[in-house]
Amino acid sequence: MLSLVQEQDKPDSPLILVILGGADGFYPLESFEPTPEGSDLAKIAGDLMLRALAVAHGNWSA
């Protein structure tokens, strides 16, 4: 699972894109500024990451 997280009750803390699951359990990928622009960039990066993981999974399964 891919999630965008931020420390609770701290709106000035960075947004962090993380992968949950797998061997490590929790793997931070990238951090973003806690602004509307940072949130938009995080969502775009997350979408790209999901697409890349889907392609990789398809190649592993073949």
C-alpha atoms as a PDB file:
ATOM      1  CA  MET A   1       0.000   0.000   0.000  1.00  0.00           C
ATOM      2  CA  LEU A   2       1.174   3.515  -0.767  1.00  0.00           C
ATOM      3  CA  SER A   3       0.191   6.289   1.667  1.00  0.00           C
ATOM      4  CA  LEU A   4       0.737   9.980   2.192  1.00  0.00           C
ATOM      5  CA  VAL A   5       1.265  10.698   5.896  1.00  0.00           C
ATOM      6  CA  GLN A   6       1.887  13.669   8.150  1.00  0.00           C
ATOM      7  CA  GLU A   7       2.597  13.809  11.868  1.00  0.00           C
ATOM      8  CA  GLN A   8      -0.677  14.155  13.761  1.00  0.00           C
ATOM      9  CA  ASP A   9      -1.587  17.639  15.028  1.00  0.00           C
ATOM     10  CA  LYS A  10       1.493  19.177  13.361  1.00  0.00           C
ATOM     11  CA  PRO A  11       0.331  20.909  10.161  1.00  0.00           C
ATOM     12  CA  ASP A  12       3.817  22.357   9.595  1.00  0.00           C
ATOM     13  CA  SER A  13       5.492  18.936   9.470  1.00  0.00           C
ATOM     14  CA  PRO A  14       6.355  17.526   6.028  1.00  0.00           C
ATOM     15  CA  LEU A  15       4.091  15.256   4.038  1.00  0.00           C
ATOM     16  CA  ILE A  16       5.791  11.888   3.540  1.00  0.00           C
ATOM     17  CA  LEU A  17       5.020   9.377   0.825  1.00  0.00           C
ATOM     18  CA  VAL A  18       5.530   5.866   2.223  1.00  0.00           C
ATOM     19  CA  ILE A  19       5.126   2.258   1.138  1.00  0.00           C
ATOM     20  CA  LEU A  20       3.508   0.051   3.762  1.00  0.00           C
ATOM     21  CA  GLY A  21       4.082  -3.693   3.631  1.00  0.00           C
ATOM     22  CA  GLY A  22       6.775  -5.857   2.107  1.00  0.00           C
ATOM     23  CA  ALA A  23       9.924  -7.022   3.866  1.00  0.00           C
ATOM     24  CA  ASP A  24      10.595  -3.743   5.701  1.00  0.00           C
ATOM     25  CA  GLY A  25       7.001  -3.000   6.685  1.00  0.00           C
ATOM     26  CA  PHE A  26       7.342   0.788   6.364  1.00  0.00           C
ATOM     27  CA  TYR A  27       9.539   2.525   3.805  1.00  0.00           C
ATOM     28  CA  PRO A  28       9.533   6.346   3.388  1.00  0.00           C
ATOM     29  CA  LEU A  29      10.019   7.316  -0.258  1.00  0.00           C
ATOM     30  CA  GLU A  30      10.006  11.107  -0.347  1.00  0.00           C
ATOM     31  CA  SER A  31       8.972  14.121   1.716  1.00  0.00           C
ATOM     32  CA  PHE A  32       7.090  17.172   0.499  1.00  0.00           C
ATOM     33  CA  GLU A  33       6.408  20.662   1.833  1.00  0.00           C
ATOM     34  CA  PRO A  34       3.184  20.942   3.875  1.00  0.00           C
ATOM     35  CA  THR A  35       1.581  23.285   1.329  1.00  0.00           C
ATOM     36  CA  PRO A  36      -1.163  22.801  -1.253  1.00  0.00           C
ATOM     37  CA  GLU A  37       1.554  22.627  -3.923  1.00  0.00           C
ATOM     38  CA  GLY A  38       3.492  20.041  -1.912  1.00  0.00           C
ATOM     39  CA  SER A  39       0.341  17.983  -1.511  1.00  0.00           C
ATOM     40  CA  ASP A  40      -0.298  18.130  -5.261  1.00  0.00           C
ATOM     41  CA  LEU A  41       3.284  17.057  -5.998  1.00  0.00           C
ATOM     42  CA  ALA A  42       3.007  14.195  -3.493  1.00  0.00           C
ATOM     43  CA  LYS A  43      -0.181  12.957  -5.166  1.00  0.00           C
ATOM     44  CA  ILE A  44       1.452  13.082  -8.612  1.00  0.00           C
ATOM     45  CA  ALA A  45       4.528  11.244  -7.312  1.00  0.00           C
ATOM     46  CA  GLY A  46       2.289   8.657  -5.657  1.00  0.00           C
ATOM     47  CA  ASP A  47       0.365   8.084  -8.879  1.00  0.00           C
ATOM     48  CA  LEU A  48       3.612   7.615 -10.805  1.00  0.00           C
ATOM     49  CA  MET A  49       4.935   5.228  -8.151  1.00  0.00           C
ATOM     50  CA  LEU A  50       1.771   3.113  -8.280  1.00  0.00           C
ATOM     51  CA  ARG A  51       2.019   2.886 -12.060  1.00  0.00           C
ATOM     52  CA  ALA A  52       5.684   1.867 -11.852  1.00  0.00           C
ATOM     53  CA  LEU A  53       4.918  -0.766  -9.215  1.00  0.00           C
ATOM     54  CA  ALA A  54       2.074  -2.152 -11.355  1.00  0.00           C
ATOM     55  CA  VAL A  55       4.414  -2.519 -14.346  1.00  0.00           C
ATOM     56  CA  ALA A  56       7.106  -4.105 -12.196  1.00  0.00           C
ATOM     57  CA  HIS A  57       4.579  -6.522 -10.689  1.00  0.00           C
ATOM     58  CA  GLY A  58       3.401  -7.475 -14.167  1.00  0.00           C
ATOM     59  CA  ASN A  59       6.989  -8.237 -15.182  1.00  0.00           C
ATOM     60  CA  TRP A  60       7.648 -10.292 -12.023  1.00  0.00           C
ATOM     61  CA  SER A  61       4.469 -12.313 -12.590  1.00  0.00           C
ATOM     62  CA  ALA A  62       5.206 -13.132 -16.229  1.00  0.00           C
END
